[in-house]
């Protein structure tokens, strides 16, 4: 099998793009997931204002 460099020299090393699996989620969905992962799960203790420990809403989803 001929390598891109052997066929085209340095120009054969350029990124061709379109390689690999296509994304299954949009960029907006990706950033929303990242934001949710960074939040503490509901019901876990978190440090509130003044350094007091408190639980997030155990019944609701994190907003």
PDB file of N, CA and C in Angstrom:
ATOM      1  N   UNK A   1       0.844  -1.183   0.000  1.00  0.00           N
ATOM      2  CA  UNK A   1       0.000   0.000   0.000  1.00  0.00           C
ATOM      3  C   UNK A   1       0.886   1.242   0.000  1.00  0.00           C
ATOM      4  N   UNK A   2       0.633   2.140  -0.879  1.00  0.00           N
ATOM      5  CA  UNK A   2       1.422   3.357  -1.011  1.00  0.00           C
ATOM      6  C   UNK A   2       1.004   4.380   0.049  1.00  0.00           C
ATOM      7  N   UNK A   3       1.960   4.957   0.723  1.00  0.00           N
ATOM      8  CA  UNK A   3       1.706   5.973   1.744  1.00  0.00           C
ATOM      9  C   UNK A   3       1.529   7.338   1.095  1.00  0.00           C
ATOM     10  N   UNK A   4       0.717   8.235   1.707  1.00  0.00           N
ATOM     11  CA  UNK A   4       0.506   9.565   1.133  1.00  0.00           C
ATOM     12  C   UNK A   4       1.812  10.330   0.896  1.00  0.00           C
ATOM     13  N   UNK A   5       2.775  10.206   1.832  1.00  0.00           N
ATOM     14  CA  UNK A   5       4.041  10.919   1.663  1.00  0.00           C
ATOM     15  C   UNK A   5       4.795  10.393   0.441  1.00  0.00           C
ATOM     16  N   UNK A   6       4.784   9.090   0.250  1.00  0.00           N
ATOM     17  CA  UNK A   6       5.484   8.501  -0.900  1.00  0.00           C
ATOM     18  C   UNK A   6       4.855   8.922  -2.223  1.00  0.00           C
ATOM     19  N   UNK A   7       3.543   9.115  -2.230  1.00  0.00           N
ATOM     20  CA  UNK A   7       2.848   9.515  -3.451  1.00  0.00           C
ATOM     21  C   UNK A   7       2.990  11.003  -3.743  1.00  0.00           C
ATOM     22  N   UNK A   8       2.873  11.857  -2.678  1.00  0.00           N
ATOM     23  CA  UNK A   8       2.771  13.305  -2.899  1.00  0.00           C
ATOM     24  C   UNK A   8       3.822  14.131  -2.178  1.00  0.00           C
ATOM     25  N   UNK A   9       4.745  13.528  -1.481  1.00  0.00           N
ATOM     26  CA  UNK A   9       5.738  14.289  -0.737  1.00  0.00           C
ATOM     27  C   UNK A   9       5.102  14.985   0.454  1.00  0.00           C
ATOM     28  N   UNK A  10       5.599  16.194   0.796  1.00  0.00           N
ATOM     29  CA  UNK A  10       5.084  16.916   1.961  1.00  0.00           C
ATOM     30  C   UNK A  10       3.609  17.265   1.817  1.00  0.00           C
ATOM     31  N   UNK A  11       3.140  17.503   0.613  1.00  0.00           N
ATOM     32  CA  UNK A  11       1.723  17.831   0.407  1.00  0.00           C
ATOM     33  C   UNK A  11       0.826  16.656   0.787  1.00  0.00           C
ATOM     34  N   UNK A  12       1.339  15.457   0.737  1.00  0.00           N
ATOM     35  CA  UNK A  12       0.565  14.284   1.114  1.00  0.00           C
ATOM     36  C   UNK A  12       0.319  14.177   2.605  1.00  0.00           C
ATOM     37  N   UNK A  13       1.005  14.992   3.409  1.00  0.00           N
ATOM     38  CA  UNK A  13       0.839  14.957   4.858  1.00  0.00           C
ATOM     39  C   UNK A  13      -0.248  15.911   5.350  1.00  0.00           C
ATOM     40  N   UNK A  14      -0.839  16.710   4.472  1.00  0.00           N
ATOM     41  CA  UNK A  14      -1.890  17.643   4.870  1.00  0.00           C
ATOM     42  C   UNK A  14      -3.111  16.878   5.363  1.00  0.00           C
ATOM     43  N   UNK A  15      -3.860  17.511   6.255  1.00  0.00           N
ATOM     44  CA  UNK A  15      -5.090  16.906   6.774  1.00  0.00           C
ATOM     45  C   UNK A  15      -6.137  16.908   5.669  1.00  0.00           C
ATOM     46  N   UNK A  16      -6.663  15.744   5.363  1.00  0.00           N
ATOM     47  CA  UNK A  16      -7.653  15.634   4.293  1.00  0.00           C
ATOM     48  C   UNK A  16      -9.056  15.971   4.769  1.00  0.00           C
ATOM     49  N   UNK A  17      -9.306  15.912   6.056  1.00  0.00           N
ATOM     50  CA  UNK A  17     -10.639  16.184   6.575  1.00  0.00           C
ATOM     51  C   UNK A  17     -11.606  15.085   6.186  1.00  0.00           C
ATOM     52  N   UNK A  18     -12.729  15.034   6.850  1.00  0.00           N
ATOM     53  CA  UNK A  18     -13.738  14.043   6.534  1.00  0.00           C
ATOM     54  C   UNK A  18     -13.356  12.622   6.922  1.00  0.00           C
ATOM     55  N   UNK A  19     -12.273  12.464   7.651  1.00  0.00           N
ATOM     56  CA  UNK A  19     -11.833  11.143   8.073  1.00  0.00           C
ATOM     57  C   UNK A  19     -12.468  10.799   9.413  1.00  0.00           C
ATOM     58  N   UNK A  20     -12.737   9.552   9.635  1.00  0.00           N
ATOM     59  CA  UNK A  20     -13.261   9.111  10.920  1.00  0.00           C
ATOM     60  C   UNK A  20     -14.772   9.099  10.960  1.00  0.00           C
ATOM     61  N   UNK A  21     -15.277   8.661  12.092  1.00  0.00           N
ATOM     62  CA  UNK A  21     -16.727   8.532  12.283  1.00  0.00           C
ATOM     63  C   UNK A  21     -17.369   9.917  12.431  1.00  0.00           C
ATOM     64  N   UNK A  22     -18.550  10.073  11.899  1.00  0.00           N
ATOM     65  CA  UNK A  22     -19.290  11.325  12.005  1.00  0.00           C
ATOM     66  C   UNK A  22     -19.862  11.450  13.413  1.00  0.00           C
ATOM     67  N   UNK A  23     -19.985  12.669  13.898  1.00  0.00           N
ATOM     68  CA  UNK A  23     -20.544  12.900  15.229  1.00  0.00           C
ATOM     69  C   UNK A  23     -22.019  12.527  15.266  1.00  0.00           C
ATOM     70  N   UNK A  24     -22.437  11.976  16.400  1.00  0.00           N
ATOM     71  CA  UNK A  24     -23.836  11.594  16.566  1.00  0.00           C
ATOM     72  C   UNK A  24     -24.645  12.658  17.284  1.00  0.00           C
ATOM     73  N   UNK A  25     -23.970  13.626  17.926  1.00  0.00           N
ATOM     74  CA  UNK A  25     -24.671  14.713  18.602  1.00  0.00           C
ATOM     75  C   UNK A  25     -24.151  16.039  18.067  1.00  0.00           C
ATOM     76  N   UNK A  26     -24.966  17.083  18.216  1.00  0.00           N
ATOM     77  CA  UNK A  26     -24.560  18.409  17.750  1.00  0.00           C
ATOM     78  C   UNK A  26     -23.597  19.035  18.763  1.00  0.00           C
ATOM     79  N   UNK A  27     -22.954  20.089  18.350  1.00  0.00           N
ATOM     80  CA  UNK A  27     -22.028  20.805  19.243  1.00  0.00           C
ATOM     81  C   UNK A  27     -22.788  21.379  20.442  1.00  0.00           C
ATOM     82  N   UNK A  28     -24.018  21.860  20.221  1.00  0.00           N
ATOM     83  CA  UNK A  28     -24.835  22.401  21.312  1.00  0.00           C
ATOM     84  C   UNK A  28     -25.160  21.318  22.327  1.00  0.00           C
ATOM     85  N   UNK A  29     -25.548  20.140  21.855  1.00  0.00           N
ATOM     86  CA  UNK A  29     -25.839  19.025  22.757  1.00  0.00           C
ATOM     87  C   UNK A  29     -24.598  18.614  23.530  1.00  0.00           C
ATOM     88  N   UNK A  30     -23.458  18.628  22.879  1.00  0.00           N
ATOM     89  CA  UNK A  30     -22.192  18.257  23.525  1.00  0.00           C
ATOM     90  C   UNK A  30     -21.879  19.198  24.688  1.00  0.00           C
ATOM     91  N   UNK A  31     -22.013  20.511  24.459  1.00  0.00           N
ATOM     92  CA  UNK A  31     -21.707  21.483  25.511  1.00  0.00           C
ATOM     93  C   UNK A  31     -22.735  21.424  26.638  1.00  0.00           C
ATOM     94  N   UNK A  32     -23.986  21.083  26.326  1.00  0.00           N
ATOM     95  CA  UNK A  32     -24.991  20.942  27.375  1.00  0.00           C
ATOM     96  C   UNK A  32     -24.646  19.761  28.281  1.00  0.00           C
ATOM     97  N   UNK A  33     -24.223  18.661  27.690  1.00  0.00           N
ATOM     98  CA  UNK A  33     -23.822  17.483  28.469  1.00  0.00           C
ATOM     99  C   UNK A  33     -22.630  17.814  29.351  1.00  0.00           C
ATOM    100  N   UNK A  34     -21.650  18.512  28.797  1.00  0.00           N
ATOM    101  CA  UNK A  34     -20.470  18.905  29.582  1.00  0.00           C
ATOM    102  C   UNK A  34     -20.891  19.769  30.762  1.00  0.00           C
ATOM    103  N   UNK A  35     -21.817  20.703  30.523  1.00  0.00           N
ATOM    104  CA  UNK A  35     -22.306  21.565  31.610  1.00  0.00           C
ATOM    105  C   UNK A  35     -23.011  20.773  32.697  1.00  0.00           C
ATOM    106  N   UNK A  36     -23.814  19.780  32.317  1.00  0.00           N
ATOM    107  CA  UNK A  36     -24.519  18.960  33.307  1.00  0.00           C
ATOM    108  C   UNK A  36     -23.564  18.095  34.114  1.00  0.00           C
ATOM    109  N   UNK A  37     -22.537  17.590  33.481  1.00  0.00           N
ATOM    110  CA  UNK A  37     -21.567  16.745  34.178  1.00  0.00           C
ATOM    111  C   UNK A  37     -20.817  17.539  35.241  1.00  0.00           C
ATOM    112  N   UNK A  38     -20.629  18.810  34.997  1.00  0.00           N
ATOM    113  CA  UNK A  38     -19.880  19.651  35.949  1.00  0.00           C
ATOM    114  C   UNK A  38     -20.709  20.022  37.169  1.00  0.00           C
ATOM    115  N   UNK A  39     -22.028  19.843  37.117  1.00  0.00           N
ATOM    116  CA  UNK A  39     -22.888  20.169  38.257  1.00  0.00           C
ATOM    117  C   UNK A  39     -22.921  19.012  39.246  1.00  0.00           C
ATOM    118  N   UNK A  40     -23.079  19.321  40.537  1.00  0.00           N
ATOM    119  CA  UNK A  40     -23.214  18.230  41.509  1.00  0.00           C
ATOM    120  C   UNK A  40     -24.565  17.543  41.312  1.00  0.00           C
ATOM    121  N   UNK A  41     -24.637  16.229  41.493  1.00  0.00           N
ATOM    122  CA  UNK A  41     -25.911  15.523  41.362  1.00  0.00           C
ATOM    123  C   UNK A  41     -26.911  16.015  42.397  1.00  0.00           C
ATOM    124  N   UNK A  42     -28.223  15.971  42.100  1.00  0.00           N
ATOM    125  CA  UNK A  42     -29.212  16.414  43.085  1.00  0.00           C
ATOM    126  C   UNK A  42     -29.144  15.552  44.337  1.00  0.00           C
ATOM    127  N   UNK A  43     -29.264  16.195  45.494  1.00  0.00           N
ATOM    128  CA  UNK A  43     -29.228  15.473  46.767  1.00  0.00           C
ATOM    129  C   UNK A  43     -27.845  15.357  47.378  1.00  0.00           C
ATOM    130  N   UNK A  44     -26.787  15.625  46.605  1.00  0.00           N
ATOM    131  CA  UNK A  44     -25.437  15.568  47.163  1.00  0.00           C
ATOM    132  C   UNK A  44     -25.155  16.846  47.927  1.00  0.00           C
ATOM    133  N   UNK A  45     -24.329  16.719  48.941  1.00  0.00           N
ATOM    134  CA  UNK A  45     -23.962  17.890  49.720  1.00  0.00           C
ATOM    135  C   UNK A  45     -23.068  18.809  48.905  1.00  0.00           C
ATOM    136  N   UNK A  46     -23.359  20.090  48.989  1.00  0.00           N
ATOM    137  CA  UNK A  46     -22.540  21.101  48.334  1.00  0.00           C
ATOM    138  C   UNK A  46     -22.262  22.208  49.335  1.00  0.00           C
ATOM    139  N   UNK A  47     -21.235  22.959  49.089  1.00  0.00           N
ATOM    140  CA  UNK A  47     -20.902  24.077  49.958  1.00  0.00           C
ATOM    141  C   UNK A  47     -21.752  25.273  49.532  1.00  0.00           C
ATOM    142  N   UNK A  48     -22.583  25.751  50.456  1.00  0.00           N
ATOM    143  CA  UNK A  48     -23.459  26.890  50.202  1.00  0.00           C
ATOM    144  C   UNK A  48     -22.744  28.178  50.604  1.00  0.00           C
ATOM    145  N   UNK A  49     -23.412  29.286  50.427  1.00  0.00           N
ATOM    146  CA  UNK A  49     -22.867  30.587  50.807  1.00  0.00           C
ATOM    147  C   UNK A  49     -22.483  30.577  52.281  1.00  0.00           C
ATOM    148  N   UNK A  50     -21.329  31.098  52.605  1.00  0.00           N
ATOM    149  CA  UNK A  50     -20.852  31.142  53.984  1.00  0.00           C
ATOM    150  C   UNK A  50     -20.175  29.865  54.433  1.00  0.00           C
ATOM    151  N   UNK A  51     -19.969  28.914  53.525  1.00  0.00           N
ATOM    152  CA  UNK A  51     -19.276  27.689  53.868  1.00  0.00           C
ATOM    153  C   UNK A  51     -20.142  26.620  54.507  1.00  0.00           C
ATOM    154  N   UNK A  52     -21.459  26.830  54.523  1.00  0.00           N
ATOM    155  CA  UNK A  52     -22.377  25.871  55.130  1.00  0.00           C
ATOM    156  C   UNK A  52     -22.687  24.761  54.123  1.00  0.00           C
ATOM    157  N   UNK A  53     -22.707  23.503  54.601  1.00  0.00           N
ATOM    158  CA  UNK A  53     -23.061  22.386  53.722  1.00  0.00           C
ATOM    159  C   UNK A  53     -24.574  22.284  53.594  1.00  0.00           C
ATOM    160  N   UNK A  54     -25.037  22.004  52.406  1.00  0.00           N
ATOM    161  CA  UNK A  54     -26.463  21.830  52.161  1.00  0.00           C
ATOM    162  C   UNK A  54     -26.659  20.896  50.997  1.00  0.00           C
ATOM    163  N   UNK A  55     -27.847  20.310  50.903  1.00  0.00           N
ATOM    164  CA  UNK A  55     -28.147  19.383  49.811  1.00  0.00           C
ATOM    165  C   UNK A  55     -28.873  20.122  48.697  1.00  0.00           C
ATOM    166  N   UNK A  56     -28.522  19.792  47.472  1.00  0.00           N
ATOM    167  CA  UNK A  56     -29.262  20.312  46.335  1.00  0.00           C
ATOM    168  C   UNK A  56     -30.642  19.674  46.344  1.00  0.00           C
ATOM    169  N   UNK A  57     -31.564  20.185  45.590  1.00  0.00           N
ATOM    170  CA  UNK A  57     -32.917  19.652  45.521  1.00  0.00           C
ATOM    171  C   UNK A  57     -32.896  18.180  45.107  1.00  0.00           C
ATOM    172  N   UNK A  58     -33.274  17.295  46.010  1.00  0.00           N
ATOM    173  CA  UNK A  58     -33.210  15.859  45.741  1.00  0.00           C
ATOM    174  C   UNK A  58     -34.306  15.409  44.771  1.00  0.00           C
ATOM    175  N   UNK A  59     -35.382  16.179  44.663  1.00  0.00           N
ATOM    176  CA  UNK A  59     -36.488  15.771  43.804  1.00  0.00           C
ATOM    177  C   UNK A  59     -36.345  16.279  42.374  1.00  0.00           C
ATOM    178  N   UNK A  60     -35.728  17.417  42.213  1.00  0.00           N
ATOM    179  CA  UNK A  60     -35.640  18.027  40.891  1.00  0.00           C
ATOM    180  C   UNK A  60     -34.345  17.718  40.196  1.00  0.00           C
ATOM    181  N   UNK A  61     -34.297  18.018  38.920  1.00  0.00           N
ATOM    182  CA  UNK A  61     -33.047  17.820  38.186  1.00  0.00           C
ATOM    183  C   UNK A  61     -32.198  19.079  38.329  1.00  0.00           C
ATOM    184  N   UNK A  62     -30.896  18.964  38.233  1.00  0.00           N
ATOM    185  CA  UNK A  62     -30.041  20.140  38.409  1.00  0.00           C
ATOM    186  C   UNK A  62     -30.264  21.141  37.281  1.00  0.00           C
ATOM    187  N   UNK A  63     -30.383  22.377  37.635  1.00  0.00           N
ATOM    188  CA  UNK A  63     -30.591  23.453  36.640  1.00  0.00           C
ATOM    189  C   UNK A  63     -29.436  24.422  36.708  1.00  0.00           C
TER     190      UNK A  63
END
